[in-house]
Amino acid sequence: MNAPLSGIIRDTSGQDIPVEKPRRRWLPIAVGSIAAVALLIWAYSHFLSGTHRSVSGDRLRIAEVTQAAFVSDLSAQGRVVAAVSPTLYAPALGTVTLKVAAGESVAQGQLLATLDSPEVTNEYAREDSKLQGLRATLAQEGIDVETTRLQNKQTVELAKVGVEGAERELKRAQDAHQLGVLPVMEVDRRADELRVAQVKYAHSVEENKLKNQSLDFQLQSRRLEVERQKLNVDNLRRRVDELNVTAPVAGVVGTLNIAQRAAVAANAPLMTVVDLSRLEIDIQVPETYADSLGIGMPAEVLVGSKRVRGHLTAISPEVNNNIVTGRVAFDDTVPPELRQNQRISVRIVLDQRDSVVQLPRGSFIDAGGGRYAYVVRDGVATRTPVTVGAVAIDRVEITSGLKPGDHVVVSGDDAFESATSVLIR
């Protein structure tokens, strides 16, 4: 019943067949492949750990660094203005009578308006009458002075006659004394009389000089008074002449600030006269270009399809709302199709040089402030420090960090987020 199992179940030793072990030729290949894949995975993971991102190349604009002629310029919008457009003001209080209408062409010196100002005209008449009175007084004083001079001259001459008479009397007395007719006392008395006459004559001469000087000062004072009054009258005559408002330049009457027969105050604006033959362009330039601008820089004005040469004539000394204003004048004749207040484009040449390392302008100049750029090599964009020089409308000068032949991401790098390197797919 209980027979041993060994008698029932046989082993498999009889069924085993020895097999020859095959040669493992595929093993080195498999190991190499696994190592290469592992290396790629490690490199890719290491790259991703350093860049943290990859960007599609379709989103980027890549340009090559070149070395060629460089023109630094800027484009600005301008407004055509009249270089000469004086505003005329009322010279005094009064009533205005207009002689022209707005938009009317006028010649230089043409009468534009008259101002009726009784205050000015009456003052002029009063002061002119005073001047005539002073001139009459001066003429009368001139006659009085000459009369006084004659009287003084007569006094001197009479004193001289007295001296000559005393000399003759003394001579007779001396002769009579020698003949024994007159005593010596009479001779001495005649000598005293001569001395008195000589003293009177000397004093008359000196007194005459002083009186003449006094008369000269008196007459000069009156002449100066007349001159002062004449200057006052001349000024009033000028004010009366200014009541006739004339055109300072040839041109067109612009804005009329007053109505016909209107009463205006002194210095109130009346009208403007625009000289359309001397047009210039007011431009507005961003503050970043303020240091690059200089008076006399060449400019190019786009008038329709034509380009007209000009130059920068003025630059504002202050910055308003991050804008610097300037003025551009034409080198040659003003194009006839221009109109005042017309909007127009202006190109100003800031710098022009040969053999300059440069790149097309793009957003990279603003994103990093021009301190770095992404250089593309073997599908990887690497952040590289650069130095930017002059900036033109479409070109940027590179002074260091790049060399001709380098490929640089000039736009679309906002997705890089300042990564050290980025994989471009």
Protein backbone atom coordinates (compact mmCIF):
# COMPACT_ATOMS: atom_id res chain seq x y z
CA MET A 1 0.00 0.00 0.00
CA ASN A 2 2.54 2.36 0.99
CA ALA A 3 5.09 1.94 -1.75
CA PRO A 4 7.83 4.57 -1.88
CA LEU A 5 7.35 7.42 -4.25
CA SER A 6 10.72 6.89 -5.78
CA GLY A 7 9.39 3.81 -7.31
CA ILE A 8 6.54 5.70 -8.89
CA ILE A 9 8.04 9.10 -10.12
CA ARG A 10 11.11 9.00 -12.26
CA ASP A 11 13.61 11.88 -12.55
CA THR A 12 14.28 13.87 -15.76
CA SER A 13 17.88 13.11 -16.06
CA GLY A 14 17.24 10.96 -18.97
CA GLN A 15 15.47 13.76 -20.80
CA ASP A 16 18.19 16.47 -20.48
CA ILE A 17 20.22 17.06 -23.63
CA PRO A 18 23.47 19.06 -23.41
CA VAL A 19 23.36 22.29 -25.50
CA GLU A 20 26.42 24.26 -26.61
CA LYS A 21 26.46 27.90 -25.25
CA PRO A 22 26.10 30.49 -28.09
CA ARG A 23 28.68 33.33 -28.52
CA ARG A 24 27.37 36.75 -27.27
CA ARG A 25 28.38 38.96 -30.21
CA TRP A 26 25.56 41.48 -29.66
CA LEU A 27 26.60 42.33 -26.13
CA PRO A 28 29.26 45.03 -26.94
CA ILE A 29 26.90 46.72 -29.39
CA ALA A 30 24.08 46.79 -26.87
CA VAL A 31 26.30 48.15 -24.15
CA GLY A 32 27.61 50.94 -26.47
CA SER A 33 24.11 51.90 -27.55
CA ILE A 34 22.89 52.04 -23.99
CA ALA A 35 25.88 54.21 -23.02
CA ALA A 36 25.30 56.60 -25.93
CA VAL A 37 21.61 56.95 -25.10
CA ALA A 38 22.48 57.49 -21.47
CA LEU A 39 25.03 60.12 -22.46
CA LEU A 40 22.51 61.93 -24.64
CA ILE A 41 19.93 61.76 -21.90
CA TRP A 42 22.46 63.09 -19.41
CA ALA A 43 23.57 65.89 -21.73
CA TYR A 44 20.01 66.87 -22.57
CA SER A 45 18.98 66.78 -18.91
CA HIS A 46 22.11 68.75 -18.00
CA PHE A 47 21.32 71.29 -20.76
CA LEU A 48 17.75 71.63 -19.56
CA SER A 49 18.95 71.99 -15.98
CA GLY A 50 21.15 74.95 -17.15
CA THR A 51 18.70 76.72 -19.47
CA HIS A 52 15.36 75.71 -18.04
CA ARG A 53 13.70 76.29 -21.44
CA SER A 54 13.69 75.84 -25.18
CA VAL A 55 12.13 78.10 -27.81
CA SER A 56 10.85 77.47 -31.31
CA GLY A 57 13.04 79.04 -33.99
CA ASP A 58 9.93 80.26 -35.84
CA ARG A 59 9.41 82.83 -33.13
CA LEU A 60 12.88 84.33 -33.48
CA ARG A 61 14.56 86.69 -35.89
CA ILE A 62 18.21 85.82 -36.29
CA ALA A 63 20.64 88.11 -38.13
CA GLU A 64 24.30 87.93 -39.05
CA VAL A 65 26.87 90.38 -37.73
CA THR A 66 28.39 92.34 -40.62
CA GLN A 67 31.12 94.91 -41.08
CA ALA A 68 30.22 97.68 -43.50
CA ALA A 69 29.51 101.40 -43.81
CA PHE A 70 27.34 102.69 -40.97
CA VAL A 71 24.99 105.64 -41.04
CA SER A 72 23.56 106.68 -37.69
CA ASP A 73 20.37 108.64 -38.15
CA LEU A 74 16.98 109.18 -36.63
CA SER A 75 13.53 109.74 -37.99
CA ALA A 76 11.24 112.34 -36.52
CA GLN A 77 7.85 113.77 -37.27
CA GLY A 78 7.76 117.49 -37.83
CA ARG A 79 5.35 120.31 -38.47
CA VAL A 80 5.88 123.00 -41.08
CA VAL A 81 6.02 126.45 -39.50
CA ALA A 82 6.88 129.90 -40.74
CA ALA A 83 10.37 131.00 -39.80
CA VAL A 84 9.09 134.59 -39.71
CA SER A 85 5.53 135.16 -38.47
CA PRO A 86 5.44 138.36 -36.42
CA THR A 87 2.42 139.26 -34.34
CA LEU A 88 1.39 142.91 -34.49
CA TYR A 89 0.19 144.64 -31.32
CA ALA A 90 -1.81 147.78 -30.60
CA PRO A 91 0.65 150.59 -29.72
CA ALA A 92 -1.90 152.43 -27.59
CA LEU A 93 -5.46 152.49 -26.35
CA GLY A 94 -7.87 153.27 -29.18
CA THR A 95 -10.25 152.12 -31.90
CA VAL A 96 -8.93 149.94 -34.73
CA THR A 97 -9.90 150.24 -38.38
CA LEU A 98 -8.80 147.19 -40.38
CA LYS A 99 -7.56 147.68 -43.94
CA VAL A 100 -7.05 143.97 -44.83
CA ALA A 101 -8.77 140.64 -44.31
CA ALA A 102 -7.44 137.30 -43.06
CA GLY A 103 -5.64 135.33 -45.77
CA GLU A 104 -4.93 138.40 -47.89
CA SER A 105 -1.47 138.74 -49.42
CA VAL A 106 0.36 141.89 -48.37
CA ALA A 107 3.61 143.59 -49.30
CA GLN A 108 6.23 144.82 -46.87
CA GLY A 109 5.28 148.27 -45.58
CA GLN A 110 1.64 147.99 -46.68
CA LEU A 111 -0.93 149.63 -44.39
CA LEU A 112 -2.83 146.94 -42.48
CA ALA A 113 -4.82 148.91 -39.90
CA THR A 114 -5.13 152.34 -38.34
CA LEU A 115 -5.65 153.13 -34.69
CA ASP A 116 -7.58 156.18 -33.53
CA SER A 117 -6.04 157.15 -30.19
CA PRO A 118 -6.98 160.68 -28.97
CA GLU A 119 -4.72 160.22 -25.96
CA VAL A 120 -1.60 159.87 -28.10
CA THR A 121 -2.49 162.48 -30.71
CA ASN A 122 -3.48 165.09 -28.11
CA GLU A 123 -0.32 164.50 -26.10
CA TYR A 124 1.75 164.84 -29.25
CA ALA A 125 0.05 168.15 -30.17
CA ARG A 126 0.53 169.49 -26.64
CA GLU A 127 4.20 168.57 -26.42
CA ASP A 128 4.91 169.83 -29.93
CA SER A 129 3.35 173.17 -29.03
CA LYS A 130 5.55 173.29 -25.92
CA LEU A 131 8.57 172.63 -28.12
CA GLN A 132 7.69 175.53 -30.38
CA GLY A 133 7.38 177.77 -27.33
CA LEU A 134 10.78 176.71 -26.03
CA ARG A 135 12.33 177.37 -29.41
CA ALA A 136 10.82 180.88 -29.42
CA THR A 137 12.12 181.46 -25.90
CA LEU A 138 15.55 180.26 -26.98
CA ALA A 139 15.54 182.67 -29.88
CA GLN A 140 14.50 185.55 -27.59
CA GLU A 141 17.17 184.67 -25.06
CA GLY A 142 19.70 184.57 -27.87
CA ILE A 143 18.82 188.18 -28.71
CA ASP A 144 18.97 189.18 -25.03
CA VAL A 145 22.34 187.54 -24.65
CA GLU A 146 23.76 189.33 -27.66
CA THR A 147 22.41 192.62 -26.30
CA THR A 148 24.05 192.01 -22.96
CA ARG A 149 27.30 191.09 -24.68
CA LEU A 150 27.25 194.42 -26.53
CA GLN A 151 26.61 196.31 -23.31
CA ASN A 152 29.45 194.52 -21.57
CA LYS A 153 31.73 195.21 -24.51
CA GLN A 154 30.77 198.87 -24.36
CA THR A 155 31.65 199.04 -20.67
CA VAL A 156 35.07 197.57 -21.37
CA GLU A 157 35.73 199.94 -24.23
CA LEU A 158 34.63 202.97 -22.16
CA ALA A 159 37.00 201.88 -19.42
CA LYS A 160 39.76 201.68 -21.99
CA VAL A 161 38.92 205.18 -23.21
CA GLY A 162 39.13 206.40 -19.60
CA VAL A 163 42.62 204.91 -19.34
CA GLU A 164 43.74 206.62 -22.53
CA GLY A 165 42.29 209.99 -21.35
CA ALA A 166 44.06 209.69 -17.99
CA GLU A 167 47.32 208.96 -19.76
CA ARG A 168 47.00 212.16 -21.84
CA GLU A 169 46.16 214.26 -18.76
CA LEU A 170 49.17 212.88 -16.93
CA LYS A 171 51.39 213.68 -19.90
CA ARG A 172 50.16 217.32 -20.04
CA ALA A 173 50.64 217.74 -16.30
CA GLN A 174 54.19 216.44 -16.50
CA ASP A 175 54.99 218.78 -19.37
CA ALA A 176 53.46 221.76 -17.49
CA HIS A 177 55.37 220.85 -14.36
CA GLN A 178 58.65 220.87 -16.27
CA LEU A 179 57.75 224.37 -17.54
CA GLY A 180 57.01 225.42 -13.98
CA VAL A 181 53.34 226.01 -14.62
CA LEU A 182 51.88 223.24 -12.43
CA PRO A 183 53.04 222.17 -9.04
CA VAL A 184 54.10 218.58 -8.40
CA MET A 185 50.89 217.90 -6.50
CA GLU A 186 48.87 218.24 -9.69
CA VAL A 187 51.19 215.82 -11.42
CA ASP A 188 50.69 213.26 -8.64
CA ARG A 189 46.88 213.71 -8.80
CA ARG A 190 46.93 213.05 -12.55
CA ALA A 191 49.04 209.96 -11.93
CA ASP A 192 46.50 208.70 -9.36
CA GLU A 193 43.63 209.24 -11.80
CA LEU A 194 45.49 207.18 -14.43
CA ARG A 195 45.99 204.38 -11.95
CA VAL A 196 42.28 204.37 -11.09
CA ALA A 197 41.35 204.26 -14.76
CA GLN A 198 43.70 201.34 -15.37
CA VAL A 199 42.21 199.36 -12.46
CA LYS A 200 38.67 199.99 -13.71
CA TYR A 201 39.65 198.84 -17.17
CA ALA A 202 41.30 195.63 -15.91
CA HIS A 203 38.26 194.78 -13.78
CA SER A 204 35.92 195.55 -16.71
CA VAL A 205 37.81 193.07 -18.90
CA GLU A 206 37.64 190.28 -16.28
CA GLU A 207 34.02 191.04 -15.47
CA ASN A 208 33.16 190.90 -19.15
CA LYS A 209 34.69 187.43 -19.44
CA LEU A 210 32.68 186.13 -16.47
CA LYS A 211 29.47 187.67 -17.78
CA ASN A 212 30.03 186.10 -21.20
CA GLN A 213 30.57 182.69 -19.60
CA SER A 214 27.38 183.12 -17.59
CA LEU A 215 25.50 184.07 -20.75
CA ASP A 216 26.93 181.01 -22.52
CA PHE A 217 25.77 178.70 -19.71
CA GLN A 218 22.35 180.30 -19.68
CA LEU A 219 22.00 179.86 -23.44
CA GLN A 220 23.33 176.30 -23.32
CA SER A 221 20.83 175.38 -20.61
CA ARG A 222 18.01 176.71 -22.74
CA ARG A 223 19.27 174.77 -25.75
CA LEU A 224 19.40 171.54 -23.71
CA GLU A 225 15.86 172.13 -22.55
CA VAL A 226 14.80 172.48 -26.17
CA GLU A 227 16.68 169.28 -27.06
CA ARG A 228 14.97 167.35 -24.26
CA GLN A 229 11.61 168.52 -25.41
CA LYS A 230 12.49 167.65 -29.00
CA LEU A 231 13.31 164.06 -27.96
CA ASN A 232 9.98 163.85 -26.19
CA VAL A 233 8.18 165.15 -29.27
CA ASP A 234 10.09 162.76 -31.53
CA ASN A 235 9.01 159.84 -29.35
CA LEU A 236 5.41 161.00 -29.48
CA ARG A 237 5.67 161.45 -33.25
CA ARG A 238 6.91 157.84 -33.46
CA ARG A 239 3.93 156.71 -31.41
CA VAL A 240 1.60 158.65 -33.68
CA ASP A 241 3.23 157.02 -36.73
CA GLU A 242 2.77 153.60 -35.11
CA LEU A 243 -0.96 154.20 -35.06
CA ASN A 244 -0.70 153.29 -38.75
CA VAL A 245 0.05 149.56 -38.51
CA THR A 246 2.09 148.34 -41.50
CA ALA A 247 3.32 144.91 -42.59
CA PRO A 248 6.87 144.22 -41.32
CA VAL A 249 7.38 141.51 -43.97
CA ALA A 250 5.79 140.45 -47.23
CA GLY A 251 3.45 137.52 -46.77
CA VAL A 252 -0.11 136.59 -45.88
CA VAL A 253 -2.32 137.97 -43.14
CA GLY A 254 -2.85 135.17 -40.65
CA THR A 255 -5.16 135.35 -37.67
CA LEU A 256 -7.13 138.52 -37.00
CA ASN A 257 -7.48 138.90 -33.24
CA ILE A 258 -9.93 141.81 -33.28
CA ALA A 259 -13.08 142.85 -35.12
CA GLN A 260 -13.56 145.92 -37.29
CA ARG A 261 -13.84 149.20 -35.31
CA ALA A 262 -13.11 147.37 -32.06
CA ALA A 263 -11.75 149.23 -29.04
CA VAL A 264 -8.48 147.69 -27.89
CA ALA A 265 -6.11 148.20 -25.00
CA ALA A 266 -2.46 149.04 -25.37
CA ASN A 267 -0.29 146.04 -26.37
CA ALA A 268 -3.33 143.96 -27.34
CA PRO A 269 -2.62 141.54 -30.25
CA LEU A 270 -4.13 142.68 -33.54
CA MET A 271 -3.05 140.16 -36.19
CA THR A 272 -0.19 138.00 -37.46
CA VAL A 273 1.64 138.22 -40.78
CA VAL A 274 3.12 134.97 -42.10
CA ASP A 275 6.11 134.97 -44.45
CA LEU A 276 5.40 131.83 -46.50
CA SER A 277 8.67 132.17 -48.43
CA ARG A 278 10.65 131.19 -45.33
CA LEU A 279 9.23 127.94 -44.00
CA GLU A 280 10.99 125.69 -41.50
CA ILE A 281 10.13 122.47 -39.70
CA ASP A 282 9.63 121.99 -35.97
CA ILE A 283 10.61 118.45 -34.99
CA GLN A 284 10.21 116.41 -31.83
CA VAL A 285 12.97 113.97 -30.92
CA PRO A 286 13.03 111.40 -28.06
CA GLU A 287 15.14 112.35 -25.08
CA THR A 288 17.55 109.44 -25.73
CA TYR A 289 18.86 111.27 -28.82
CA ALA A 290 19.34 114.61 -27.06
CA ASP A 291 23.08 114.15 -26.51
CA SER A 292 23.61 113.12 -30.14
CA LEU A 293 22.01 116.20 -31.70
CA GLY A 294 24.10 119.15 -32.82
CA ILE A 295 23.35 122.38 -34.65
CA GLY A 296 24.29 122.15 -38.32
CA MET A 297 23.68 118.40 -38.67
CA PRO A 298 22.43 117.46 -42.15
CA ALA A 299 18.76 116.55 -42.46
CA GLU A 300 16.58 115.03 -45.15
CA VAL A 301 12.98 116.16 -45.47
CA LEU A 302 10.49 113.85 -47.18
CA VAL A 303 8.11 116.01 -49.24
CA GLY A 304 5.76 113.67 -51.08
CA SER A 305 8.07 111.40 -53.05
CA LYS A 306 10.96 113.88 -53.04
CA ARG A 307 13.79 114.17 -50.55
CA VAL A 308 14.86 117.75 -49.85
CA ARG A 309 18.10 118.63 -48.09
CA GLY A 310 18.16 120.71 -44.95
CA HIS A 311 20.07 121.18 -41.71
CA LEU A 312 19.37 121.48 -38.00
CA THR A 313 19.34 125.14 -36.96
CA ALA A 314 18.10 125.07 -33.36
CA ILE A 315 17.77 122.66 -30.43
CA SER A 316 15.67 123.30 -27.35
CA PRO A 317 17.79 123.59 -24.17
CA GLU A 318 15.20 121.75 -22.10
CA VAL A 319 13.32 118.44 -22.15
CA ASN A 320 9.52 118.37 -21.86
CA ASN A 321 7.68 115.07 -21.44
CA ASN A 322 10.79 113.13 -22.56
CA ILE A 323 10.81 115.10 -25.83
CA VAL A 324 13.40 117.53 -27.21
CA THR A 325 12.25 120.01 -29.87
CA GLY A 326 14.38 121.31 -32.71
CA ARG A 327 14.13 123.37 -35.89
CA VAL A 328 15.17 122.27 -39.41
CA ALA A 329 15.75 124.77 -42.22
CA PHE A 330 15.99 124.05 -45.95
CA ASP A 331 19.35 124.33 -47.68
CA ASP A 332 17.80 125.45 -50.96
CA THR A 333 14.47 126.91 -52.06
CA VAL A 334 11.44 125.93 -50.01
CA PRO A 335 9.28 123.40 -51.91
CA PRO A 336 6.21 125.25 -53.18
CA GLU A 337 3.82 122.43 -52.21
CA LEU A 338 4.47 122.89 -48.48
CA ARG A 339 1.79 124.45 -46.32
CA GLN A 340 1.96 125.83 -42.83
CA ASN A 341 1.14 123.29 -40.06
CA GLN A 342 1.59 120.42 -42.53
CA ARG A 343 2.86 117.18 -40.97
CA ILE A 344 6.06 115.89 -42.50
CA SER A 345 8.82 113.30 -41.90
CA VAL A 346 12.42 114.33 -41.28
CA ARG A 347 15.57 112.20 -41.21
CA ILE A 348 18.60 113.59 -39.39
CA VAL A 349 22.04 112.09 -40.02
CA LEU A 350 23.86 111.84 -36.67
CA ASP A 351 27.00 110.00 -37.79
CA GLN A 352 28.46 108.35 -40.91
CA ARG A 353 31.49 105.99 -40.89
CA ASP A 354 33.02 103.12 -42.87
CA SER A 355 33.92 99.56 -41.77
CA VAL A 356 31.73 99.35 -38.66
CA VAL A 357 30.67 96.07 -37.00
CA GLN A 358 26.89 96.18 -36.92
CA LEU A 359 23.59 94.36 -36.57
CA PRO A 360 20.06 95.04 -37.75
CA ARG A 361 18.15 96.85 -35.05
CA GLY A 362 15.72 94.75 -33.05
CA SER A 363 14.05 94.35 -29.69
CA PHE A 364 17.24 93.00 -28.12
CA ILE A 365 18.55 96.57 -27.86
CA ASP A 366 15.64 97.44 -25.57
CA ALA A 367 15.20 94.15 -23.72
CA GLY A 368 18.69 94.09 -22.25
CA GLY A 369 19.47 97.74 -22.53
CA GLY A 370 22.12 96.86 -25.11
CA ARG A 371 24.27 95.08 -22.49
CA TYR A 372 23.97 91.53 -23.88
CA ALA A 373 22.80 89.56 -26.90
CA TYR A 374 22.09 85.87 -27.66
CA VAL A 375 24.60 84.33 -30.06
CA VAL A 376 23.35 81.24 -31.88
CA ARG A 377 25.80 78.31 -32.34
CA ASP A 378 24.76 74.70 -33.13
CA GLY A 379 21.13 75.36 -32.31
CA VAL A 380 21.85 76.89 -28.90
CA ALA A 381 21.45 80.61 -28.13
CA THR A 382 24.03 81.71 -25.56
CA ARG A 383 23.81 84.96 -23.66
CA THR A 384 26.89 87.04 -24.51
CA PRO A 385 27.89 90.44 -23.06
CA VAL A 386 28.15 93.11 -25.76
CA THR A 387 28.72 96.85 -25.97
CA VAL A 388 26.50 98.94 -28.24
CA GLY A 389 27.71 102.13 -29.90
CA ALA A 390 25.70 104.37 -32.19
CA VAL A 391 22.06 103.46 -32.84
CA ALA A 392 20.43 104.16 -36.19
CA ILE A 393 16.87 103.68 -37.39
CA ASP A 394 17.54 100.17 -38.71
CA ARG A 395 21.14 99.41 -37.60
CA VAL A 396 23.06 99.14 -34.34
CA GLU A 397 26.82 99.53 -33.96
CA ILE A 398 28.54 96.77 -31.94
CA THR A 399 31.79 97.96 -30.35
CA SER A 400 32.68 94.75 -28.45
CA GLY A 401 31.44 91.23 -27.76
CA LEU A 402 30.64 90.17 -31.35
CA LYS A 403 32.56 89.65 -34.56
CA PRO A 404 31.52 89.56 -38.21
CA GLY A 405 29.88 86.26 -39.11
CA ASP A 406 28.23 85.68 -35.73
CA HIS A 407 24.50 84.95 -35.78
CA VAL A 408 22.53 86.82 -33.17
CA VAL A 409 18.90 86.77 -32.05
CA VAL A 410 17.80 90.35 -32.72
CA SER A 411 14.12 89.93 -31.86
CA GLY A 412 11.83 87.47 -30.15
CA ASP A 413 14.16 86.87 -27.22
CA ASP A 414 11.59 88.05 -24.72
CA ALA A 415 10.68 84.39 -24.21
CA PHE A 416 14.24 83.62 -23.05
CA GLU A 417 13.64 85.37 -19.71
CA SER A 418 17.37 86.22 -19.41
CA ALA A 419 18.41 82.55 -19.40
CA THR A 420 22.10 81.80 -19.81
CA SER A 421 21.47 79.59 -22.85
CA VAL A 422 18.35 78.45 -24.67
CA LEU A 423 17.76 75.51 -26.98
CA ILE A 424 16.30 76.55 -30.32
CA ARG A 425 13.99 73.86 -31.69
